[in-house]
Structures are given as C-alpha cells and as structure tokens.
Amino acid sequence: MTSIQNFATTDPFADEPNFGGDNGISYIHIRIFQRSGRKAVTTVEKLPRDIDFKRVLKYFKKTLNCNGNLLEDENLGTVIQLQGDHRKEVSTFIIEEKIAKKEFVKMHGF
C-alpha cells in the first residue's frame, strides 16, 4: 500500500525553518522601503551573527557611494540600512563572499 505524503499538515504562519545546515543560516532578507519621492532605503536583515557588521557596512558605503548605519532589533538582530536602492549589489556581495547561498537570499520590494 502506498502512502500519500502531500496531505501532511503544515502551519503557513510558523517561523521559517533553518535551511542553512550546521552554520545556522536561515533566509537573509533584502528589502527596499520608499522614503519620500524618489528616495529609498535598503535594509539587510537576518545576517549571520559571526560576520563583522561594521566592516561590511564600511565596504558597502565605500563601493556603493552611499550612507548607511547599523540598527539593533530584538527580533531581527543587527540590521544594515543603506540609502538608495542597492538590492542587486548587496545580493551579489552576499553570494560572492559566500555568506549565504543564492537560494537563502530573498529580495523584497517593488
């Protein structure tokens, strides 16, 4: 007799599982928020805690020619905030520096 696996119950509102394996990486979220007019802010959330956030922020500020800062959040941990729309550049950096694989980086926004 065959069993049907498609009818397993899952909670769609539960927290996302940890797909990163041993190093504890879950999804990294890159979001864009519209400020005013043409101005935008890019945020990078849920980065691994073992990276040097100040060094990464300094690299982004220098290579992307923008300003930015670090925010501390209880739920999200340390969040990198950059002025402007830099979703593609940040995603490329995260993948090339092997901070996370491509399937663990999610971009949000319009």
PDB file of N, CA and C in Angstrom:
ATOM      1  N   MET A   1       0.851  -1.176   0.000  1.00  0.00           N
ATOM      2  CA  MET A   1       0.000   0.000   0.000  1.00  0.00           C
ATOM      3  C   MET A   1       0.899   1.242   0.000  1.00  0.00           C
ATOM      4  N   THR A   2       0.582   2.191  -0.839  1.00  0.00           N
ATOM      5  CA  THR A   2       1.372   3.413  -0.925  1.00  0.00           C
ATOM      6  C   THR A   2       0.805   4.464   0.021  1.00  0.00           C
ATOM      7  N   SER A   3       1.702   5.279   0.549  1.00  0.00           N
ATOM      8  CA  SER A   3       1.253   6.351   1.432  1.00  0.00           C
ATOM      9  C   SER A   3       1.331   7.675   0.680  1.00  0.00           C
ATOM     10  N   ILE A   4       0.451   8.552   1.005  1.00  0.00           N
ATOM     11  CA  ILE A   4       0.405   9.854   0.350  1.00  0.00           C
ATOM     12  C   ILE A   4       1.019  10.879   1.295  1.00  0.00           C
ATOM     13  N   GLN A   5       2.088  11.513   0.844  1.00  0.00           N
ATOM     14  CA  GLN A   5       2.799  12.481   1.667  1.00  0.00           C
ATOM     15  C   GLN A   5       2.275  13.906   1.499  1.00  0.00           C
ATOM     16  N   ASN A   6       1.459  14.153   0.516  1.00  0.00           N
ATOM     17  CA  ASN A   6       1.007  15.511   0.232  1.00  0.00           C
ATOM     18  C   ASN A   6       0.004  16.045   1.249  1.00  0.00           C
ATOM     19  N   PHE A   7      -0.555  15.195   2.064  1.00  0.00           N
ATOM     20  CA  PHE A   7      -1.574  15.632   2.993  1.00  0.00           C
ATOM     21  C   PHE A   7      -1.031  15.917   4.394  1.00  0.00           C
ATOM     22  N   ALA A   8       0.261  16.106   4.516  1.00  0.00           N
ATOM     23  CA  ALA A   8       0.841  16.453   5.805  1.00  0.00           C
ATOM     24  C   ALA A   8       0.415  17.877   6.168  1.00  0.00           C
ATOM     25  N   THR A   9       0.089  18.092   7.430  1.00  0.00           N
ATOM     26  CA  THR A   9      -0.361  19.414   7.853  1.00  0.00           C
ATOM     27  C   THR A   9       0.842  20.283   8.172  1.00  0.00           C
ATOM     28  N   THR A  10       0.806  21.512   7.685  1.00  0.00           N
ATOM     29  CA  THR A  10       1.845  22.492   7.988  1.00  0.00           C
ATOM     30  C   THR A  10       1.188  23.803   8.337  1.00  0.00           C
ATOM     31  N   ASP A  11       1.840  24.564   9.190  1.00  0.00           N
ATOM     32  CA  ASP A  11       1.340  25.864   9.584  1.00  0.00           C
ATOM     33  C   ASP A  11       1.982  26.922   8.690  1.00  0.00           C
ATOM     34  N   PRO A  12       1.216  27.598   7.828  1.00  0.00           N
ATOM     35  CA  PRO A  12       1.822  28.583   6.930  1.00  0.00           C
ATOM     36  C   PRO A  12       2.328  29.829   7.649  1.00  0.00           C
ATOM     37  N   PHE A  13       1.880  30.060   8.886  1.00  0.00           N
ATOM     38  CA  PHE A  13       2.292  31.239   9.624  1.00  0.00           C
ATOM     39  C   PHE A  13       3.401  30.949  10.629  1.00  0.00           C
ATOM     40  N   ALA A  14       3.919  29.741  10.641  1.00  0.00           N
ATOM     41  CA  ALA A  14       5.004  29.402  11.551  1.00  0.00           C
ATOM     42  C   ALA A  14       6.292  30.041  11.070  1.00  0.00           C
ATOM     43  N   ASP A  15       7.279  30.139  11.961  1.00  0.00           N
ATOM     44  CA  ASP A  15       8.574  30.683  11.580  1.00  0.00           C
ATOM     45  C   ASP A  15       9.212  29.802  10.529  1.00  0.00           C
ATOM     46  N   GLU A  16      10.023  30.438   9.675  1.00  0.00           N
ATOM     47  CA  GLU A  16      10.685  29.689   8.621  1.00  0.00           C
ATOM     48  C   GLU A  16      11.731  28.768   9.236  1.00  0.00           C
ATOM     49  N   PRO A  17      11.827  27.538   8.758  1.00  0.00           N
ATOM     50  CA  PRO A  17      12.810  26.624   9.323  1.00  0.00           C
ATOM     51  C   PRO A  17      14.223  27.017   8.932  1.00  0.00           C
ATOM     52  N   ASN A  18      15.184  26.481   9.648  1.00  0.00           N
ATOM     53  CA  ASN A  18      16.588  26.758   9.409  1.00  0.00           C
ATOM     54  C   ASN A  18      17.087  25.825   8.315  1.00  0.00           C
ATOM     55  N   PHE A  19      17.215  26.327   7.084  1.00  0.00           N
ATOM     56  CA  PHE A  19      17.639  25.510   5.957  1.00  0.00           C
ATOM     57  C   PHE A  19      19.144  25.555   5.749  1.00  0.00           C
ATOM     58  N   GLY A  20      19.865  26.321   6.532  1.00  0.00           N
ATOM     59  CA  GLY A  20      21.286  26.529   6.292  1.00  0.00           C
ATOM     60  C   GLY A  20      22.176  25.409   6.757  1.00  0.00           C
ATOM     61  N   GLY A  21      21.669  24.503   7.544  1.00  0.00           N
ATOM     62  CA  GLY A  21      22.506  23.402   7.999  1.00  0.00           C
ATOM     63  C   GLY A  21      23.236  23.744   9.284  1.00  0.00           C
ATOM     64  N   ASP A  22      24.512  23.364   9.343  1.00  0.00           N
ATOM     65  CA  ASP A  22      25.282  23.476  10.575  1.00  0.00           C
ATOM     66  C   ASP A  22      25.585  24.911  10.982  1.00  0.00           C
ATOM     67  N   ASN A  23      25.800  25.797  10.017  1.00  0.00           N
ATOM     68  CA  ASN A  23      26.227  27.148  10.372  1.00  0.00           C
ATOM     69  C   ASN A  23      25.072  28.062  10.776  1.00  0.00           C
ATOM     70  N   GLY A  24      23.840  27.598  10.793  1.00  0.00           N
ATOM     71  CA  GLY A  24      22.722  28.348  11.346  1.00  0.00           C
ATOM     72  C   GLY A  24      22.195  29.457  10.458  1.00  0.00           C
ATOM     73  N   ILE A  25      22.362  29.377   9.163  1.00  0.00           N
ATOM     74  CA  ILE A  25      21.862  30.416   8.268  1.00  0.00           C
ATOM     75  C   ILE A  25      20.419  30.121   7.910  1.00  0.00           C
ATOM     76  N   SER A  26      19.553  31.083   8.154  1.00  0.00           N
ATOM     77  CA  SER A  26      18.196  30.988   7.637  1.00  0.00           C
ATOM     78  C   SER A  26      18.132  31.966   6.464  1.00  0.00           C
ATOM     79  N   TYR A  27      16.968  32.356   6.043  1.00  0.00           N
ATOM     80  CA  TYR A  27      16.865  33.274   4.918  1.00  0.00           C
ATOM     81  C   TYR A  27      17.371  34.659   5.289  1.00  0.00           C
ATOM     82  N   ILE A  28      18.093  35.283   4.374  1.00  0.00           N
ATOM     83  CA  ILE A  28      18.539  36.660   4.523  1.00  0.00           C
ATOM     84  C   ILE A  28      17.598  37.510   3.681  1.00  0.00           C
ATOM     85  N   HIS A  29      16.995  38.516   4.289  1.00  0.00           N
ATOM     86  CA  HIS A  29      16.000  39.336   3.611  1.00  0.00           C
ATOM     87  C   HIS A  29      16.604  40.682   3.243  1.00  0.00           C
ATOM     88  N   ILE A  30      16.496  41.038   1.961  1.00  0.00           N
ATOM     89  CA  ILE A  30      16.932  42.339   1.472  1.00  0.00           C
ATOM     90  C   ILE A  30      15.670  43.075   1.040  1.00  0.00           C
ATOM     91  N   ARG A  31      15.371  44.178   1.718  1.00  0.00           N
ATOM     92  CA  ARG A  31      14.126  44.899   1.469  1.00  0.00           C
ATOM     93  C   ARG A  31      14.413  46.333   1.039  1.00  0.00           C
ATOM     94  N   ILE A  32      13.455  46.908   0.338  1.00  0.00           N
ATOM     95  CA  ILE A  32      13.538  48.321  -0.023  1.00  0.00           C
ATOM     96  C   ILE A  32      12.286  49.014   0.500  1.00  0.00           C
ATOM     97  N   PHE A  33      12.498  50.182   1.075  1.00  0.00           N
ATOM     98  CA  PHE A  33      11.393  50.994   1.579  1.00  0.00           C
ATOM     99  C   PHE A  33      11.441  52.350   0.892  1.00  0.00           C
ATOM    100  N   GLN A  34      10.285  52.815   0.442  1.00  0.00           N
ATOM    101  CA  GLN A  34      10.192  54.122  -0.185  1.00  0.00           C
ATOM    102  C   GLN A  34      10.144  55.170   0.910  1.00  0.00           C
ATOM    103  N   ARG A  35      11.033  56.141   0.849  1.00  0.00           N
ATOM    104  CA  ARG A  35      11.055  57.208   1.840  1.00  0.00           C
ATOM    105  C   ARG A  35      10.148  58.347   1.423  1.00  0.00           C
ATOM    106  N   SER A  36      10.628  59.182   0.523  1.00  0.00           N
ATOM    107  CA  SER A  36       9.809  60.298   0.033  1.00  0.00           C
ATOM    108  C   SER A  36      10.228  60.594  -1.397  1.00  0.00           C
ATOM    109  N   GLY A  37       9.254  60.721  -2.256  1.00  0.00           N
ATOM    110  CA  GLY A  37       9.562  60.991  -3.657  1.00  0.00           C
ATOM    111  C   GLY A  37      10.344  59.854  -4.285  1.00  0.00           C
ATOM    112  N   ARG A  38      11.548  60.142  -4.749  1.00  0.00           N
ATOM    113  CA  ARG A  38      12.395  59.126  -5.375  1.00  0.00           C
ATOM    114  C   ARG A  38      13.368  58.497  -4.388  1.00  0.00           C
ATOM    115  N   LYS A  39      13.351  58.905  -3.154  1.00  0.00           N
ATOM    116  CA  LYS A  39      14.300  58.413  -2.152  1.00  0.00           C
ATOM    117  C   LYS A  39      13.882  57.040  -1.648  1.00  0.00           C
ATOM    118  N   ALA A  40      14.873  56.167  -1.429  1.00  0.00           N
ATOM    119  CA  ALA A  40      14.594  54.814  -0.950  1.00  0.00           C
ATOM    120  C   ALA A  40      15.654  54.408   0.069  1.00  0.00           C
ATOM    121  N   VAL A  41      15.317  53.402   0.864  1.00  0.00           N
ATOM    122  CA  VAL A  41      16.230  52.836   1.858  1.00  0.00           C
ATOM    123  C   VAL A  41      16.259  51.325   1.669  1.00  0.00           C
ATOM    124  N   THR A  42      17.452  50.743   1.633  1.00  0.00           N
ATOM    125  CA  THR A  42      17.621  49.303   1.521  1.00  0.00           C
ATOM    126  C   THR A  42      18.031  48.755   2.876  1.00  0.00           C
ATOM    127  N   THR A  43      17.365  47.683   3.324  1.00  0.00           N
ATOM    128  CA  THR A  43      17.736  47.044   4.585  1.00  0.00           C
ATOM    129  C   THR A  43      18.121  45.598   4.326  1.00  0.00           C
ATOM    130  N   VAL A  44      19.097  45.115   5.103  1.00  0.00           N
ATOM    131  CA  VAL A  44      19.558  43.729   5.027  1.00  0.00           C
ATOM    132  C   VAL A  44      19.351  43.130   6.410  1.00  0.00           C
ATOM    133  N   GLU A  45      18.483  42.099   6.490  1.00  0.00           N
ATOM    134  CA  GLU A  45      18.096  41.523   7.771  1.00  0.00           C
ATOM    135  C   GLU A  45      18.513  40.063   7.874  1.00  0.00           C
ATOM    136  N   LYS A  46      18.691  39.614   9.103  1.00  0.00           N
ATOM    137  CA  LYS A  46      18.968  38.224   9.461  1.00  0.00           C
ATOM    138  C   LYS A  46      20.281  37.706   8.890  1.00  0.00           C
ATOM    139  N   LEU A  47      21.303  38.558   8.892  1.00  0.00           N
ATOM    140  CA  LEU A  47      22.634  38.100   8.522  1.00  0.00           C
ATOM    141  C   LEU A  47      23.200  37.253   9.660  1.00  0.00           C
ATOM    142  N   PRO A  48      24.119  36.329   9.370  1.00  0.00           N
ATOM    143  CA  PRO A  48      24.723  35.526  10.442  1.00  0.00           C
ATOM    144  C   PRO A  48      25.439  36.417  11.454  1.00  0.00           C
ATOM    145  N   ARG A  49      25.383  36.039  12.696  1.00  0.00           N
ATOM    146  CA  ARG A  49      25.949  36.859  13.767  1.00  0.00           C
ATOM    147  C   ARG A  49      27.476  36.854  13.790  1.00  0.00           C
ATOM    148  N   ASP A  50      28.100  35.910  13.104  1.00  0.00           N
ATOM    149  CA  ASP A  50      29.558  35.789  13.179  1.00  0.00           C
ATOM    150  C   ASP A  50      30.307  36.685  12.192  1.00  0.00           C
ATOM    151  N   ILE A  51      29.605  37.475  11.367  1.00  0.00           N
ATOM    152  CA  ILE A  51      30.306  38.368  10.454  1.00  0.00           C
ATOM    153  C   ILE A  51      30.564  39.700  11.140  1.00  0.00           C
ATOM    154  N   ASP A  52      31.514  40.458  10.615  1.00  0.00           N
ATOM    155  CA  ASP A  52      31.858  41.774  11.155  1.00  0.00           C
ATOM    156  C   ASP A  52      30.968  42.815  10.468  1.00  0.00           C
ATOM    157  N   PHE A  53      29.905  43.221  11.150  1.00  0.00           N
ATOM    158  CA  PHE A  53      28.915  44.116  10.561  1.00  0.00           C
ATOM    159  C   PHE A  53      29.515  45.477  10.218  1.00  0.00           C
ATOM    160  N   LYS A  54      30.383  45.993  11.072  1.00  0.00           N
ATOM    161  CA  LYS A  54      30.983  47.302  10.811  1.00  0.00           C
ATOM    162  C   LYS A  54      31.848  47.270   9.558  1.00  0.00           C
ATOM    163  N   ARG A  55      32.554  46.183   9.361  1.00  0.00           N
ATOM    164  CA  ARG A  55      33.414  46.054   8.186  1.00  0.00           C
ATOM    165  C   ARG A  55      32.582  45.932   6.904  1.00  0.00           C
ATOM    166  N   VAL A  56      31.500  45.157   6.963  1.00  0.00           N
ATOM    167  CA  VAL A  56      30.612  45.005   5.811  1.00  0.00           C
ATOM    168  C   VAL A  56      29.957  46.343   5.479  1.00  0.00           C
ATOM    169  N   LEU A  57      29.493  47.069   6.498  1.00  0.00           N
ATOM    170  CA  LEU A  57      28.868  48.374   6.275  1.00  0.00           C
ATOM    171  C   LEU A  57      29.862  49.341   5.650  1.00  0.00           C
ATOM    172  N   LYS A  58      31.097  49.340   6.130  1.00  0.00           N
ATOM    173  CA  LYS A  58      32.124  50.215   5.578  1.00  0.00           C
ATOM    174  C   LYS A  58      32.376  49.888   4.105  1.00  0.00           C
ATOM    175  N   TYR A  59      32.394  48.596   3.763  1.00  0.00           N
ATOM    176  CA  TYR A  59      32.578  48.186   2.370  1.00  0.00           C
ATOM    177  C   TYR A  59      31.424  48.681   1.503  1.00  0.00           C
ATOM    178  N   PHE A  60      30.189  48.497   1.970  1.00  0.00           N
ATOM    179  CA  PHE A  60      29.029  48.948   1.210  1.00  0.00           C
ATOM    180  C   PHE A  60      29.063  50.464   0.998  1.00  0.00           C
ATOM    181  N   LYS A  61      29.367  51.207   2.043  1.00  0.00           N
ATOM    182  CA  LYS A  61      29.372  52.653   1.945  1.00  0.00           C
ATOM    183  C   LYS A  61      30.420  53.135   0.944  1.00  0.00           C
ATOM    184  N   LYS A  62      31.563  52.468   0.922  1.00  0.00           N
ATOM    185  CA  LYS A  62      32.646  52.894   0.040  1.00  0.00           C
ATOM    186  C   LYS A  62      32.384  52.488  -1.414  1.00  0.00           C
ATOM    187  N   THR A  63      31.938  51.256  -1.640  1.00  0.00           N
ATOM    188  CA  THR A  63      31.765  50.784  -3.016  1.00  0.00           C
ATOM    189  C   THR A  63      30.469  51.280  -3.653  1.00  0.00           C
ATOM    190  N   LEU A  64      29.413  51.468  -2.871  1.00  0.00           N
ATOM    191  CA  LEU A  64      28.129  51.897  -3.419  1.00  0.00           C
ATOM    192  C   LEU A  64      27.930  53.404  -3.363  1.00  0.00           C
ATOM    193  N   ASN A  65      28.893  54.119  -2.786  1.00  0.00           N
ATOM    194  CA  ASN A  65      28.824  55.583  -2.670  1.00  0.00           C
ATOM    195  C   ASN A  65      27.520  56.034  -2.031  1.00  0.00           C
ATOM    196  N   CYS A  66      27.226  55.479  -0.865  1.00  0.00           N
ATOM    197  CA  CYS A  66      26.004  55.843  -0.157  1.00  0.00           C
ATOM    198  C   CYS A  66      26.312  55.922   1.331  1.00  0.00           C
ATOM    199  N   ASN A  67      25.352  56.379   2.081  1.00  0.00           N
ATOM    200  CA  ASN A  67      25.482  56.406   3.530  1.00  0.00           C
ATOM    201  C   ASN A  67      24.691  55.241   4.098  1.00  0.00           C
ATOM    202  N   GLY A  68      25.008  54.842   5.322  1.00  0.00           N
ATOM    203  CA  GLY A  68      24.297  53.746   5.946  1.00  0.00           C
ATOM    204  C   GLY A  68      24.587  53.687   7.424  1.00  0.00           C
ATOM    205  N   ASN A  69      23.852  52.810   8.108  1.00  0.00           N
ATOM    206  CA  ASN A  69      24.087  52.615   9.533  1.00  0.00           C
ATOM    207  C   ASN A  69      23.632  51.228   9.948  1.00  0.00           C
ATOM    208  N   LEU A  70      23.964  50.874  11.185  1.00  0.00           N
ATOM    209  CA  LEU A  70      23.579  49.590  11.770  1.00  0.00           C
ATOM    210  C   LEU A  70      22.472  49.836  12.778  1.00  0.00           C
ATOM    211  N   LEU A  71      21.439  49.003  12.720  1.00  0.00           N
ATOM    212  CA  LEU A  71      20.328  49.076  13.667  1.00  0.00           C
ATOM    213  C   LEU A  71      20.282  47.780  14.464  1.00  0.00           C
ATOM    214  N   GLU A  72      20.015  47.870  15.748  1.00  0.00           N
ATOM    215  CA  GLU A  72      19.853  46.695  16.599  1.00  0.00           C
ATOM    216  C   GLU A  72      18.365  46.467  16.821  1.00  0.00           C
ATOM    217  N   ASP A  73      17.891  45.252  16.501  1.00  0.00           N
ATOM    218  CA  ASP A  73      16.492  44.899  16.671  1.00  0.00           C
ATOM    219  C   ASP A  73      16.421  43.628  17.497  1.00  0.00           C
ATOM    220  N   GLU A  74      15.423  43.534  18.376  1.00  0.00           N
ATOM    221  CA  GLU A  74      15.291  42.353  19.235  1.00  0.00           C
ATOM    222  C   GLU A  74      15.007  41.100  18.425  1.00  0.00           C
ATOM    223  N   ASN A  75      14.133  41.185  17.445  1.00  0.00           N
ATOM    224  CA  ASN A  75      13.726  40.015  16.671  1.00  0.00           C
ATOM    225  C   ASN A  75      14.668  39.711  15.516  1.00  0.00           C
ATOM    226  N   LEU A  76      15.158  40.744  14.841  1.00  0.00           N
ATOM    227  CA  LEU A  76      15.946  40.549  13.627  1.00  0.00           C
ATOM    228  C   LEU A  76      17.444  40.550  13.863  1.00  0.00           C
ATOM    229  N   GLY A  77      17.889  40.973  15.027  1.00  0.00           N
ATOM    230  CA  GLY A  77      19.323  41.077  15.288  1.00  0.00           C
ATOM    231  C   GLY A  77      19.848  42.386  14.724  1.00  0.00           C
ATOM    232  N   THR A  78      21.053  42.356  14.166  1.00  0.00           N
ATOM    233  CA  THR A  78      21.646  43.551  13.590  1.00  0.00           C
ATOM    234  C   THR A  78      21.169  43.710  12.153  1.00  0.00           C
ATOM    235  N   VAL A  79      20.687  44.901  11.829  1.00  0.00           N
ATOM    236  CA  VAL A  79      20.161  45.200  10.500  1.00  0.00           C
ATOM    237  C   VAL A  79      21.047  46.268   9.868  1.00  0.00           C
ATOM    238  N   ILE A  80      21.457  46.037   8.613  1.00  0.00           N
ATOM    239  CA  ILE A  80      22.221  47.034   7.870  1.00  0.00           C
ATOM    240  C   ILE A  80      21.228  47.859   7.060  1.00  0.00           C
ATOM    241  N   GLN A  81      21.344  49.176   7.180  1.00  0.00           N
ATOM    242  CA  GLN A  81      20.447  50.086   6.478  1.00  0.00           C
ATOM    243  C   GLN A  81      21.287  50.976   5.567  1.00  0.00           C
ATOM    244  N   LEU A  82      20.927  51.025   4.259  1.00  0.00           N
ATOM    245  CA  LEU A  82      21.674  51.798   3.271  1.00  0.00           C
ATOM    246  C   LEU A  82      20.746  52.768   2.561  1.00  0.00           C
ATOM    247  N   GLN A  83      21.265  53.938   2.218  1.00  0.00           N
ATOM    248  CA  GLN A  83      20.472  54.908   1.462  1.00  0.00           C
ATOM    249  C   GLN A  83      20.482  54.522   0.000  1.00  0.00           C
ATOM    250  N   GLY A  84      19.318  54.490  -0.617  1.00  0.00           N
ATOM    251  CA  GLY A  84      19.203  54.173  -2.034  1.00  0.00           C
ATOM    252  C   GLY A  84      18.786  52.732  -2.268  1.00  0.00           C
ATOM    253  N   ASP A  85      18.548  52.405  -3.533  1.00  0.00           N
ATOM    254  CA  ASP A  85      18.149  51.055  -3.926  1.00  0.00           C
ATOM    255  C   ASP A  85      19.392  50.273  -4.334  1.00  0.00           C
ATOM    256  N   HIS A  86      19.876  49.412  -3.444  1.00  0.00           N
ATOM    257  CA  HIS A  86      21.096  48.639  -3.680  1.00  0.00           C
ATOM    258  C   HIS A  86      20.842  47.146  -3.499  1.00  0.00           C
ATOM    259  N   ARG A  87      19.637  46.687  -3.811  1.00  0.00           N
ATOM    260  CA  ARG A  87      19.278  45.290  -3.605  1.00  0.00           C
ATOM    261  C   ARG A  87      20.154  44.342  -4.414  1.00  0.00           C
ATOM    262  N   LYS A  88      20.359  44.625  -5.682  1.00  0.00           N
ATOM    263  CA  LYS A  88      21.132  43.732  -6.545  1.00  0.00           C
ATOM    264  C   LYS A  88      22.588  43.657  -6.110  1.00  0.00           C
ATOM    265  N   GLU A  89      23.192  44.802  -5.791  1.00  0.00           N
ATOM    266  CA  GLU A  89      24.593  44.835  -5.392  1.00  0.00           C
ATOM    267  C   GLU A  89      24.813  44.098  -4.068  1.00  0.00           C
ATOM    268  N   VAL A  90      23.901  44.297  -3.116  1.00  0.00           N
ATOM    269  CA  VAL A  90      24.028  43.629  -1.818  1.00  0.00           C
ATOM    270  C   VAL A  90      23.847  42.121  -1.984  1.00  0.00           C
ATOM    271  N   SER A  91      22.888  41.714  -2.783  1.00  0.00           N
ATOM    272  CA  SER A  91      22.663  40.290  -3.031  1.00  0.00           C
ATOM    273  C   SER A  91      23.886  39.651  -3.675  1.00  0.00           C
ATOM    274  N   THR A  92      24.456  40.307  -4.670  1.00  0.00           N
ATOM    275  CA  THR A  92      25.659  39.792  -5.335  1.00  0.00           C
ATOM    276  C   THR A  92      26.811  39.663  -4.350  1.00  0.00           C
ATOM    277  N   PHE A  93      26.985  40.647  -3.473  1.00  0.00           N
ATOM    278  CA  PHE A  93      28.059  40.608  -2.480  1.00  0.00           C
ATOM    279  C   PHE A  93      27.882  39.429  -1.527  1.00  0.00           C
ATOM    280  N   ILE A  94      26.666  39.216  -1.038  1.00  0.00           N
ATOM    281  CA  ILE A  94      26.403  38.137  -0.085  1.00  0.00           C
ATOM    282  C   ILE A  94      26.692  36.782  -0.716  1.00  0.00           C
ATOM    283  N   ILE A  95      26.338  36.612  -1.984  1.00  0.00           N
ATOM    284  CA  ILE A  95      26.554  35.333  -2.664  1.00  0.00           C
ATOM    285  C   ILE A  95      28.031  35.136  -2.999  1.00  0.00           C
ATOM    286  N   GLU A  96      28.708  36.184  -3.513  1.00  0.00           N
ATOM    287  CA  GLU A  96      30.115  36.055  -3.897  1.00  0.00           C
ATOM    288  C   GLU A  96      31.031  35.849  -2.701  1.00  0.00           C
ATOM    289  N   GLU A  97      30.713  36.466  -1.567  1.00  0.00           N
ATOM    290  CA  GLU A  97      31.543  36.319  -0.366  1.00  0.00           C
ATOM    291  C   GLU A  97      31.183  35.067   0.425  1.00  0.00           C
ATOM    292  N   LYS A  98      30.255  34.275  -0.105  1.00  0.00           N
ATOM    293  CA  LYS A  98      29.838  33.005   0.487  1.00  0.00           C
ATOM    294  C   LYS A  98      29.303  33.173   1.910  1.00  0.00           C
ATOM    295  N   ILE A  99      28.615  34.287   2.148  1.00  0.00           N
ATOM    296  CA  ILE A  99      27.913  34.477   3.415  1.00  0.00           C
ATOM    297  C   ILE A  99      26.683  33.589   3.416  1.00  0.00           C
ATOM    298  N   ALA A 100      26.030  33.470   2.249  1.00  0.00           N
ATOM    299  CA  ALA A 100      24.866  32.596   2.090  1.00  0.00           C
ATOM    300  C   ALA A 100      24.778  32.169   0.629  1.00  0.00           C
ATOM    301  N   LYS A 101      24.120  31.044   0.414  1.00  0.00           N
ATOM    302  CA  LYS A 101      23.874  30.590  -0.953  1.00  0.00           C
ATOM    303  C   LYS A 101      22.735  31.387  -1.564  1.00  0.00           C
ATOM    304  N   LYS A 102      22.636  31.329  -2.880  1.00  0.00           N
ATOM    305  CA  LYS A 102      21.647  32.121  -3.598  1.00  0.00           C
ATOM    306  C   LYS A 102      20.220  31.789  -3.174  1.00  0.00           C
ATOM    307  N   GLU A 103      19.951  30.518  -2.882  1.00  0.00           N
ATOM    308  CA  GLU A 103      18.587  30.135  -2.520  1.00  0.00           C
ATOM    309  C   GLU A 103      18.176  30.611  -1.126  1.00  0.00           C
ATOM    310  N   PHE A 104      19.129  31.096  -0.321  1.00  0.00           N
ATOM    311  CA  PHE A 104      18.810  31.586   1.013  1.00  0.00           C
ATOM    312  C   PHE A 104      18.718  33.105   1.077  1.00  0.00           C
ATOM    313  N   VAL A 105      18.850  33.784  -0.074  1.00  0.00           N
ATOM    314  CA  VAL A 105      18.755  35.249  -0.130  1.00  0.00           C
ATOM    315  C   VAL A 105      17.436  35.604  -0.801  1.00  0.00           C
ATOM    316  N   LYS A 106      16.596  36.350  -0.095  1.00  0.00           N
ATOM    317  CA  LYS A 106      15.287  36.766  -0.633  1.00  0.00           C
ATOM    318  C   LYS A 106      15.270  38.279  -0.765  1.00  0.00           C
ATOM    319  N   MET A 107      14.896  38.744  -1.972  1.00  0.00           N
ATOM    320  CA  MET A 107      14.766  40.174  -2.200  1.00  0.00           C
ATOM    321  C   MET A 107      13.290  40.547  -2.205  1.00  0.00           C
ATOM    322  N   HIS A 108      12.965  41.627  -1.504  1.00  0.00           N
ATOM    323  CA  HIS A 108      11.585  42.097  -1.414  1.00  0.00           C
ATOM    324  C   HIS A 108      11.526  43.520  -1.942  1.00  0.00           C
ATOM    325  N   GLY A 109      10.385  43.915  -2.419  1.00  0.00           N
ATOM    326  CA  GLY A 109      10.197  45.288  -2.866  1.00  0.00           C
ATOM    327  C   GLY A 109       9.506  45.342  -4.201  1.00  0.00           C
ATOM    328  N   PHE A 110       9.369  46.533  -4.695  1.00  0.00           N
ATOM    329  CA  PHE A 110       8.614  46.743  -5.925  1.00  0.00           C
ATOM    330  C   PHE A 110       9.394  46.475  -7.137  1.00  0.00           C
TER     331      PHE A 110
END
